[in-house]
Amino acid sequence: MSMRLYDSATRGIRDFVPLRPGHASLYLCGATVQALPHIGHMRSGVCFDILSRWLTYRGLKVTFVRNVTDIDDKILSKSAEAGEPWWAWAQTHERGFTRAYDALGCVPPTYEPRATGHIPEMIVLMQRLIDSGHAYAVDGDVYFDVRSFADYGALSGQRIDAMHPAADSVGADKRDPRDFALWKSVKPGEPSWDTPWGAGRPGWHLECSAMATKYLGAAFDIHGGGLDLIFPHHENEIAQSVSVGDQFASYWLHNAWVTISGEKMSKSLNNSLLVDRMVEQWRPIELRYYLGGAHYRSNIEYSEAAMNEAASAYQRIEGFLARASEFLDGGVAYSPRLPQAFADALDDDLSVPAALAVLHDTVRQGNAALSASDREAVLRLWVEVRAMTDVLGIAPPAIGAQGAAAHSALDALVPVVLELRQAARERKDYATSDAIRDGLGAAGIAIEDTASGPRWTLKEG
């Protein structure tokens, strides 16, 4: 079965055929660093991380670009309100996004360009647009002429005459109120860069077209982002890129939202759940399981009960792997092997729910094999579960390089502490033994005394 993806541009499932055999190019609209990230922002990061992992597992060399928008109206407004330089405000919140991506185990992209680092590429693109008659300059502002591009509105399924005026600019000299800003002339107190049309700063849509083609070329495979970006952002990217002859993206993928009480998460609704807060209440790996568990094109309705259910489901996977590793005594070589049904599920428009059904069924088989002390079956199923969690980015015991390093340290240190506890028990110093147990418990490490000796695990939750 070949991999198939839902393309928003054609509104249908298509076989994924990379432009270059053996390679896959992916551009994801990343963070606009106006504020700290909530779980709605991170859903996009997790979904496209799973896609990138799956393309890699399928043997493709993936070039993954995820941009940072570090200059826009909201960054300027919020930094001014806070009395901070715009660049300091942007950098602080960019670090917050990096912290969230890392906590949730998102593999770093191949390139993570900032908009402010690509002004020369934007100037070149604007010049191409003006020379080809698709853009015009008025008193230092540069606008895209939407009526010059016959397919404007095709991605979002809208007609130009039914569209509202462009929200990013209100220039009185625009040819059409729907024309959008490629470049905004300098305003008092705002940062600016010099161009042939005057000093100013870039429009949001221009930034992504310039960065995508800088790193992936005039034609690349996949452009991704949230559903809310289809219009106007992605519509405008297509217009300004295709109108000058670039093929741009072959496939458009859009993830759905995280909602609360049926409403999309947003700062304006004051219903955000910041990742920094969430990972204090839940383990990051459980939060990743929750955000990645639904089909990427389906909304997730957030509730604490749903989060609890996801955490419990993940802990069943984790529990089997821990018991199986103990049963196998660690003396096995790991070579990834996936069940065909799992691979088929991810090939079918990245159907993670179907893939998770295979994973949990394999866990159930593995628990039965453990009960029967069937070493051969346990080994086979352990390998399959481990491989599936690797692909989904939820391999226990921790997410990310920092988590792996921390767990390695625990692997070395906790047995030493348990030996001290055992020595205290043997000399009947139960006060010391209990103090060691309680101290480990306070640090999040649960101790279970078994017939073969003490066993430790990280506490759930």
Protein backbone atom coordinates (compact mmCIF):
# COMPACT_ATOMS: atom_id res chain seq x y z
CA MET A 1 0.00 0.00 0.00
CA SER A 2 1.41 3.41 -0.94
CA MET A 3 1.07 6.35 1.40
CA ARG A 4 -2.03 8.46 0.82
CA LEU A 5 -2.76 11.94 2.15
CA TYR A 6 -5.75 14.26 2.16
CA ASP A 7 -4.87 17.30 0.06
CA SER A 8 -6.82 20.41 1.07
CA ALA A 9 -6.22 21.95 -2.35
CA THR A 10 -7.95 19.14 -4.27
CA ARG A 11 -10.28 18.23 -1.37
CA GLY A 12 -9.50 14.56 -1.71
CA ILE A 13 -7.17 11.70 -0.82
CA ARG A 14 -4.14 11.41 -3.09
CA ASP A 15 -1.24 8.98 -3.35
CA PHE A 16 1.86 10.65 -1.98
CA VAL A 17 4.47 10.78 -4.74
CA PRO A 18 7.53 12.87 -3.78
CA LEU A 19 8.96 15.22 -6.38
CA ARG A 20 12.39 13.67 -5.81
CA PRO A 21 12.49 9.89 -5.38
CA GLY A 22 13.81 8.98 -1.95
CA HIS A 23 13.26 12.49 -0.55
CA ALA A 24 10.39 14.35 1.09
CA SER A 25 10.21 18.12 1.62
CA LEU A 26 7.88 19.55 4.26
CA TYR A 27 7.18 23.15 5.27
CA LEU A 28 5.14 23.82 8.40
CA CYS A 29 3.87 27.24 9.42
CA GLY A 30 5.36 27.48 12.88
CA ALA A 31 5.07 29.87 15.78
CA THR A 32 4.12 33.52 15.70
CA VAL A 33 5.96 34.33 18.91
CA GLN A 34 3.57 36.88 20.41
CA ALA A 35 2.86 34.81 23.55
CA LEU A 36 3.64 31.49 25.22
CA PRO A 37 2.26 28.37 23.49
CA HIS A 38 -0.94 26.62 24.51
CA ILE A 39 -1.82 23.04 23.63
CA GLY A 40 -3.70 24.21 20.55
CA HIS A 41 -0.42 25.49 19.10
CA MET A 42 1.34 22.26 19.99
CA ARG A 43 -1.19 20.03 18.28
CA SER A 44 0.19 21.15 14.94
CA GLY A 45 3.74 20.49 16.12
CA VAL A 46 2.90 16.97 17.29
CA CYS A 47 0.83 16.01 14.21
CA PHE A 48 3.50 17.08 11.74
CA ASP A 49 6.22 15.54 13.89
CA ILE A 50 4.41 12.20 13.51
CA LEU A 51 4.19 12.77 9.75
CA SER A 52 7.91 13.54 9.55
CA ARG A 53 8.76 10.46 11.63
CA TRP A 54 6.59 8.25 9.41
CA LEU A 55 8.09 9.58 6.19
CA THR A 56 11.53 8.90 7.66
CA TYR A 57 10.56 5.39 8.73
CA ARG A 58 9.31 4.78 5.19
CA GLY A 59 12.87 5.33 4.03
CA LEU A 60 12.63 8.92 2.78
CA LYS A 61 15.23 11.58 3.54
CA VAL A 62 13.07 14.32 5.03
CA THR A 63 13.86 18.02 4.85
CA PHE A 64 11.55 19.62 7.40
CA VAL A 65 11.29 23.40 7.66
CA ARG A 66 9.31 25.01 10.48
CA ASN A 67 9.48 28.80 10.51
CA VAL A 68 9.34 31.36 13.30
CA THR A 69 7.38 34.56 12.68
CA ASP A 70 9.28 37.00 14.90
CA ILE A 71 7.80 40.24 13.55
CA ASP A 72 4.11 41.06 13.11
CA ASP A 73 1.40 43.44 14.34
CA LYS A 74 0.62 41.49 17.52
CA ILE A 75 4.26 41.16 18.56
CA LEU A 76 4.69 44.91 18.17
CA SER A 77 1.46 45.68 20.03
CA LYS A 78 2.08 43.31 22.95
CA SER A 79 5.73 44.27 23.38
CA ALA A 80 4.75 47.94 23.43
CA GLU A 81 2.09 47.28 26.08
CA ALA A 82 4.69 45.45 28.19
CA GLY A 83 7.29 48.18 27.68
CA GLU A 84 9.80 45.75 26.18
CA PRO A 85 11.75 45.88 22.91
CA TRP A 86 9.93 43.90 20.22
CA TRP A 87 12.94 41.66 19.64
CA ALA A 88 13.23 40.79 23.35
CA TRP A 89 9.51 39.99 23.50
CA ALA A 90 9.78 37.75 20.43
CA GLN A 91 12.87 35.95 21.68
CA THR A 92 11.36 35.24 25.10
CA HIS A 93 8.31 33.61 23.55
CA GLU A 94 10.31 31.80 20.89
CA ARG A 95 12.19 30.11 23.72
CA GLY A 96 8.80 29.16 25.19
CA PHE A 97 7.85 27.43 21.95
CA THR A 98 11.20 25.65 21.78
CA ARG A 99 10.71 24.49 25.36
CA ALA A 100 7.26 23.13 24.48
CA TYR A 101 8.41 21.34 21.31
CA ASP A 102 11.25 19.73 23.25
CA ALA A 103 9.04 18.74 26.17
CA LEU A 104 6.59 17.01 23.82
CA GLY A 105 9.32 15.12 22.00
CA CYS A 106 9.09 16.88 18.63
CA VAL A 107 12.22 16.14 16.62
CA PRO A 108 13.95 19.45 15.76
CA PRO A 109 13.28 20.49 12.16
CA THR A 110 16.04 20.46 9.58
CA TYR A 111 15.81 24.26 9.43
CA GLU A 112 13.95 26.74 11.65
CA PRO A 113 14.26 30.14 9.91
CA ARG A 114 13.17 33.43 11.45
CA ALA A 115 11.29 35.90 9.31
CA THR A 116 13.60 38.80 10.19
CA GLY A 117 16.56 36.85 8.85
CA HIS A 118 15.11 36.66 5.33
CA ILE A 119 14.37 40.23 4.27
CA PRO A 120 16.64 39.97 1.17
CA GLU A 121 14.64 36.99 -0.12
CA MET A 122 11.40 38.90 0.48
CA ILE A 123 12.68 41.89 -1.50
CA VAL A 124 13.55 39.61 -4.42
CA LEU A 125 10.07 38.06 -4.38
CA MET A 126 8.37 41.45 -4.23
CA GLN A 127 10.42 42.63 -7.20
CA ARG A 128 9.36 39.55 -9.18
CA LEU A 129 5.72 40.23 -8.30
CA ILE A 130 5.90 43.90 -9.32
CA ASP A 131 7.76 43.10 -12.55
CA SER A 132 5.12 40.52 -13.48
CA GLY A 133 2.22 42.87 -12.77
CA HIS A 134 0.91 41.03 -9.70
CA ALA A 135 1.93 43.64 -7.12
CA TYR A 136 2.19 47.42 -6.89
CA ALA A 137 3.79 49.97 -4.59
CA VAL A 138 1.99 52.98 -3.08
CA ASP A 139 3.86 55.44 -0.84
CA GLY A 140 6.18 52.80 0.59
CA ASP A 141 3.53 50.08 0.95
CA VAL A 142 3.52 47.12 -1.45
CA TYR A 143 0.29 45.24 -2.16
CA PHE A 144 -0.61 42.04 -3.99
CA ASP A 145 -3.28 42.56 -6.64
CA VAL A 146 -5.67 39.68 -5.94
CA ARG A 147 -7.60 40.16 -9.18
CA SER A 148 -4.40 39.61 -11.16
CA PHE A 149 -4.34 35.95 -10.06
CA ALA A 150 -7.17 33.95 -11.67
CA ASP A 151 -7.12 31.16 -9.06
CA TYR A 152 -7.32 33.42 -6.02
CA GLY A 153 -9.76 31.80 -3.59
CA ALA A 154 -9.40 28.25 -4.97
CA LEU A 155 -7.81 26.79 -1.82
CA SER A 156 -10.50 28.14 0.50
CA GLY A 157 -13.35 27.81 -2.01
CA GLN A 158 -14.24 31.50 -1.98
CA ARG A 159 -15.06 34.06 -4.65
CA ILE A 160 -13.20 37.34 -4.54
CA ASP A 161 -16.36 39.45 -4.60
CA ALA A 162 -17.65 37.67 -1.49
CA MET A 163 -14.47 38.20 0.52
CA HIS A 164 -14.04 40.77 3.27
CA PRO A 165 -11.35 43.45 2.89
CA ALA A 166 -7.84 42.29 3.80
CA ALA A 167 -7.42 42.64 7.54
CA ASP A 168 -3.69 43.26 7.45
CA SER A 169 -3.83 46.64 5.74
CA VAL A 170 -6.22 49.55 5.30
CA GLY A 171 -4.41 51.61 2.69
CA ALA A 172 -6.69 54.14 1.04
CA ASP A 173 -4.81 53.86 -2.24
CA LYS A 174 -5.27 50.13 -2.72
CA ARG A 175 -6.75 49.08 -6.04
CA ASP A 176 -9.08 46.64 -4.28
CA PRO A 177 -9.88 46.42 -0.55
CA ARG A 178 -9.05 42.71 -0.70
CA ASP A 179 -5.48 43.33 -1.86
CA PHE A 180 -3.15 42.25 0.90
CA ALA A 181 0.07 43.81 2.14
CA LEU A 182 3.41 42.39 1.08
CA TRP A 183 5.30 45.25 2.71
CA LYS A 184 4.20 47.86 5.26
CA SER A 185 5.81 51.29 5.23
CA VAL A 186 7.67 52.41 8.32
CA LYS A 187 5.64 53.77 11.26
CA PRO A 188 6.97 55.77 14.24
CA GLY A 189 8.54 53.50 16.84
CA GLU A 190 8.42 50.37 14.65
CA PRO A 191 11.42 48.43 13.35
CA SER A 192 12.18 48.84 9.67
CA TRP A 193 14.34 47.54 6.85
CA ASP A 194 15.28 49.33 3.65
CA THR A 195 13.83 48.29 0.29
CA PRO A 196 13.65 49.88 -3.19
CA TRP A 197 10.12 51.04 -2.27
CA GLY A 198 11.00 52.55 1.07
CA ALA A 199 11.72 51.48 4.64
CA GLY A 200 9.24 49.25 6.44
CA ARG A 201 8.57 45.71 7.52
CA PRO A 202 7.22 42.57 5.85
CA GLY A 203 3.67 41.32 5.71
CA TRP A 204 3.03 37.93 7.26
CA HIS A 205 2.15 36.08 4.05
CA LEU A 206 5.25 37.23 2.19
CA GLU A 207 7.50 35.81 4.91
CA CYS A 208 6.45 32.19 4.47
CA SER A 209 6.65 32.18 0.67
CA ALA A 210 10.18 33.57 0.84
CA MET A 211 11.36 31.13 3.52
CA ALA A 212 9.72 28.04 2.03
CA THR A 213 11.34 28.52 -1.37
CA LYS A 214 14.68 29.55 0.17
CA TYR A 215 15.09 26.17 1.87
CA LEU A 216 12.96 23.82 -0.24
CA GLY A 217 13.08 25.37 -3.70
CA ALA A 218 10.39 26.66 -6.05
CA ALA A 219 8.63 23.26 -5.91
CA PHE A 220 8.35 21.08 -2.82
CA ASP A 221 6.15 18.29 -1.53
CA ILE A 222 4.04 19.24 1.50
CA HIS A 223 2.93 22.49 3.11
CA GLY A 224 1.24 22.12 6.49
CA GLY A 225 -0.48 24.15 9.17
CA GLY A 226 -3.67 24.57 11.15
CA LEU A 227 -7.12 24.83 9.56
CA ASP A 228 -7.31 28.49 10.53
CA LEU A 229 -4.42 29.24 8.16
CA ILE A 230 -6.21 28.15 4.98
CA PHE A 231 -7.54 31.67 4.56
CA PRO A 232 -6.06 34.12 4.24
CA HIS A 233 -2.53 32.94 4.97
CA HIS A 234 -2.16 29.89 2.77
CA GLU A 235 -4.41 31.32 0.09
CA ASN A 236 -2.09 34.32 -0.08
CA GLU A 237 1.07 32.21 -0.08
CA ILE A 238 -0.21 30.34 -3.11
CA ALA A 239 -1.14 33.55 -4.90
CA GLN A 240 2.16 35.33 -4.42
CA SER A 241 4.25 32.23 -5.22
CA VAL A 242 2.36 30.60 -8.08
CA SER A 243 1.68 33.92 -9.82
CA VAL A 244 5.42 34.36 -10.46
CA GLY A 245 5.83 30.84 -11.83
CA ASP A 246 6.80 28.83 -8.74
CA GLN A 247 5.07 25.47 -8.47
CA PHE A 248 5.19 25.79 -4.67
CA ALA A 249 3.58 22.96 -2.63
CA SER A 250 2.26 19.77 -4.22
CA TYR A 251 0.14 18.82 -1.19
CA TRP A 252 -1.59 20.97 1.44
CA LEU A 253 -2.23 19.35 4.84
CA HIS A 254 -4.18 21.01 7.64
CA ASN A 255 -4.68 19.85 11.20
CA ALA A 256 -7.89 20.59 13.07
CA TRP A 257 -8.17 22.47 16.34
CA VAL A 258 -8.17 21.79 20.05
CA THR A 259 -11.48 23.18 21.27
CA ILE A 260 -12.98 23.94 24.66
CA SER A 261 -16.78 23.93 24.90
CA GLY A 262 -16.88 23.82 21.12
CA GLU A 263 -14.75 26.92 20.62
CA LYS A 264 -11.26 27.06 19.11
CA MET A 265 -8.59 27.83 21.67
CA SER A 266 -7.40 31.41 21.41
CA LYS A 267 -5.97 34.21 23.50
CA SER A 268 -9.01 36.39 22.80
CA LEU A 269 -11.35 33.82 24.35
CA ASN A 270 -9.09 33.48 27.38
CA ASN A 271 -9.43 29.70 27.22
CA SER A 272 -5.80 28.80 26.65
CA LEU A 273 -4.07 25.94 28.40
CA LEU A 274 -0.39 26.85 28.39
CA VAL A 275 2.02 23.99 27.79
CA ASP A 276 4.27 25.19 30.63
CA ARG A 277 1.32 24.73 33.02
CA MET A 278 0.07 21.48 31.51
CA VAL A 279 3.40 19.68 31.91
CA GLU A 280 3.33 20.50 35.61
CA GLN A 281 0.06 18.58 35.93
CA TRP A 282 0.68 15.82 33.38
CA ARG A 283 3.75 14.02 32.18
CA PRO A 284 4.79 15.48 28.81
CA ILE A 285 4.65 12.04 27.19
CA GLU A 286 1.00 11.69 28.25
CA LEU A 287 0.19 15.13 26.87
CA ARG A 288 1.83 14.18 23.57
CA TYR A 289 -0.23 10.96 23.47
CA TYR A 290 -3.36 13.03 23.98
CA LEU A 291 -2.57 15.65 21.34
CA GLY A 292 -1.46 13.12 18.73
CA GLY A 293 -4.05 10.44 19.41
CA ALA A 294 -6.95 11.78 17.35
CA HIS A 295 -6.90 11.94 13.56
CA TYR A 296 -5.09 15.11 12.60
CA ARG A 297 -8.13 16.34 10.63
CA SER A 298 -10.52 15.89 13.57
CA ASN A 299 -11.08 18.44 16.33
CA ILE A 300 -10.12 17.51 19.89
CA GLU A 301 -12.52 18.69 22.57
CA TYR A 302 -10.37 19.25 25.63
CA SER A 303 -11.51 18.12 29.06
CA GLU A 304 -9.69 16.88 32.12
CA ALA A 305 -11.60 13.59 31.84
CA ALA A 306 -10.33 13.09 28.27
CA MET A 307 -6.81 13.88 29.40
CA ASN A 308 -7.13 11.36 32.24
CA GLU A 309 -8.35 8.73 29.81
CA ALA A 310 -5.39 9.38 27.48
CA ALA A 311 -2.93 9.17 30.39
CA SER A 312 -4.40 5.84 31.52
CA ALA A 313 -4.25 4.46 27.98
CA TYR A 314 -0.62 5.47 27.68
CA GLN A 315 0.23 3.95 31.05
CA ARG A 316 -1.10 0.57 29.85
CA ILE A 317 1.42 0.67 27.02
CA GLU A 318 4.19 1.76 29.35
CA GLY A 319 3.29 -0.90 31.89
CA PHE A 320 3.51 -3.72 29.36
CA LEU A 321 6.89 -2.57 28.10
CA ALA A 322 8.24 -2.35 31.66
CA ARG A 323 6.96 -5.82 32.63
CA ALA A 324 8.13 -7.35 29.37
CA SER A 325 11.61 -5.85 29.74
CA GLU A 326 11.84 -7.24 33.24
CA PHE A 327 10.61 -10.66 32.07
CA LEU A 328 13.13 -10.70 29.22
CA ASP A 329 15.81 -9.51 31.65
CA GLY A 330 17.06 -6.94 29.14
CA GLY A 331 19.07 -9.53 27.26
CA VAL A 332 17.61 -8.89 23.80
CA ALA A 333 18.71 -6.98 20.73
CA TYR A 334 16.16 -4.45 19.47
CA SER A 335 15.50 -4.35 15.74
CA PRO A 336 12.36 -2.37 14.83
CA ARG A 337 9.49 -4.38 13.36
CA LEU A 338 6.00 -3.01 12.79
CA PRO A 339 2.73 -4.90 12.39
CA GLN A 340 1.45 -4.51 8.83
CA ALA A 341 -1.89 -3.20 10.08
CA PHE A 342 -0.11 -0.39 11.93
CA ALA A 343 1.82 0.60 8.80
CA ASP A 344 -1.35 0.44 6.71
CA ALA A 345 -3.09 2.76 9.16
CA LEU A 346 -0.40 5.44 8.96
CA ASP A 347 -0.20 5.06 5.18
CA ASP A 348 -3.94 5.80 5.09
CA ASP A 349 -3.81 9.59 5.59
CA LEU A 350 -1.83 9.23 8.82
CA SER A 351 -4.66 7.50 10.69
CA VAL A 352 -3.19 7.52 14.19
CA PRO A 353 -6.43 6.29 15.86
CA ALA A 354 -6.33 3.11 13.75
CA ALA A 355 -2.61 2.77 14.44
CA LEU A 356 -3.23 3.11 18.19
CA ALA A 357 -5.92 0.42 17.99
CA VAL A 358 -3.25 -1.94 16.60
CA LEU A 359 -0.83 -0.84 19.31
CA HIS A 360 -3.27 -1.49 22.14
CA ASP A 361 -4.31 -4.84 20.67
CA THR A 362 -0.64 -5.83 20.58
CA VAL A 363 -0.28 -4.75 24.21
CA ARG A 364 -3.22 -6.99 25.14
CA GLN A 365 -1.60 -9.92 23.33
CA GLY A 366 1.65 -9.12 25.09
CA ASN A 367 0.04 -9.16 28.53
CA ALA A 368 -1.52 -12.54 27.73
CA ALA A 369 1.88 -13.85 26.64
CA LEU A 370 3.39 -12.61 29.90
CA SER A 371 0.70 -14.43 31.87
CA ALA A 372 1.57 -17.60 29.96
CA SER A 373 5.34 -17.00 30.40
CA ASP A 374 5.71 -17.40 26.62
CA ARG A 375 9.16 -15.86 26.12
CA GLU A 376 9.13 -16.07 22.32
CA ALA A 377 5.75 -14.34 22.05
CA VAL A 378 6.67 -11.73 24.66
CA LEU A 379 9.85 -10.87 22.77
CA ARG A 380 8.06 -10.57 19.43
CA LEU A 381 5.28 -8.40 20.86
CA TRP A 382 7.67 -6.28 22.93
CA VAL A 383 9.64 -5.48 19.77
CA GLU A 384 6.46 -4.53 17.90
CA VAL A 385 5.13 -2.30 20.70
CA ARG A 386 8.51 -0.65 21.10
CA ALA A 387 8.70 0.02 17.33
CA MET A 388 5.19 1.49 17.22
CA THR A 389 5.88 3.82 20.14
CA ASP A 390 9.12 4.93 18.46
CA VAL A 391 7.26 5.89 15.29
CA LEU A 392 4.59 7.82 17.23
CA GLY A 393 7.17 9.52 19.42
CA ILE A 394 5.81 8.03 22.65
CA ALA A 395 8.51 5.50 23.49
CA PRO A 396 8.90 5.14 27.27
CA PRO A 397 10.33 5.95 29.67
CA ALA A 398 10.82 9.57 28.64
CA ILE A 399 10.53 11.96 25.71
CA GLY A 400 13.47 13.71 24.15
CA ALA A 401 17.21 13.70 24.67
CA GLN A 402 17.05 15.39 28.08
CA GLY A 403 14.48 12.89 29.32
CA ALA A 404 16.49 9.95 28.00
CA ALA A 405 19.62 11.25 29.71
CA ALA A 406 17.74 11.75 32.97
CA HIS A 407 16.34 8.24 32.89
CA SER A 408 19.79 6.79 32.17
CA ALA A 409 21.04 8.57 35.26
CA LEU A 410 18.15 7.13 37.29
CA ASP A 411 18.95 3.65 35.96
CA ALA A 412 22.42 4.01 37.44
CA LEU A 413 21.55 5.77 40.70
CA VAL A 414 18.32 4.18 41.93
CA PRO A 415 19.77 0.64 42.23
CA VAL A 416 22.53 2.04 44.45
CA VAL A 417 19.94 3.66 46.70
CA LEU A 418 17.92 0.43 46.76
CA GLU A 419 21.02 -1.49 47.85
CA LEU A 420 21.38 0.92 50.78
CA ARG A 421 17.70 0.36 51.60
CA GLN A 422 18.13 -3.42 51.44
CA ALA A 423 21.16 -3.25 53.72
CA ALA A 424 19.12 -1.23 56.22
CA ARG A 425 16.33 -3.83 56.10
CA GLU A 426 18.79 -6.68 56.67
CA ARG A 427 20.13 -5.01 59.80
CA LYS A 428 16.52 -4.31 60.85
CA ASP A 429 16.98 -0.57 60.60
CA TYR A 430 13.45 -0.08 59.36
CA ALA A 431 13.38 3.66 60.07
CA THR A 432 16.21 4.20 57.56
CA SER A 433 14.64 1.75 55.10
CA ASP A 434 11.30 3.55 55.24
CA ALA A 435 12.97 6.96 54.98
CA ILE A 436 14.73 5.88 51.77
CA ARG A 437 11.47 4.54 50.34
CA ASP A 438 9.60 7.72 51.28
CA GLY A 439 12.35 9.91 49.88
CA LEU A 440 12.24 8.08 46.56
CA GLY A 441 8.47 8.37 46.58
CA ALA A 442 8.66 12.11 47.11
CA ALA A 443 10.97 12.26 44.09
CA GLY A 444 8.37 10.48 41.95
CA ILE A 445 9.87 6.98 42.11
CA ALA A 446 7.61 4.14 43.25
CA ILE A 447 9.15 1.06 44.90
CA GLU A 448 7.53 -2.38 44.73
CA ASP A 449 9.01 -5.23 46.75
CA THR A 450 8.77 -8.47 44.75
CA ALA A 451 9.96 -12.04 45.26
CA SER A 452 12.94 -11.30 43.02
CA GLY A 453 13.82 -8.06 44.80
CA PRO A 454 12.67 -4.45 44.75
CA ARG A 455 11.39 -3.00 41.46
CA TRP A 456 11.19 0.74 40.76
CA THR A 457 9.10 2.73 38.34
CA LEU A 458 8.40 6.39 37.73
CA LYS A 459 5.08 7.30 39.29
CA GLU A 460 2.14 7.91 36.98
CA GLY A 461 0.81 11.42 36.54
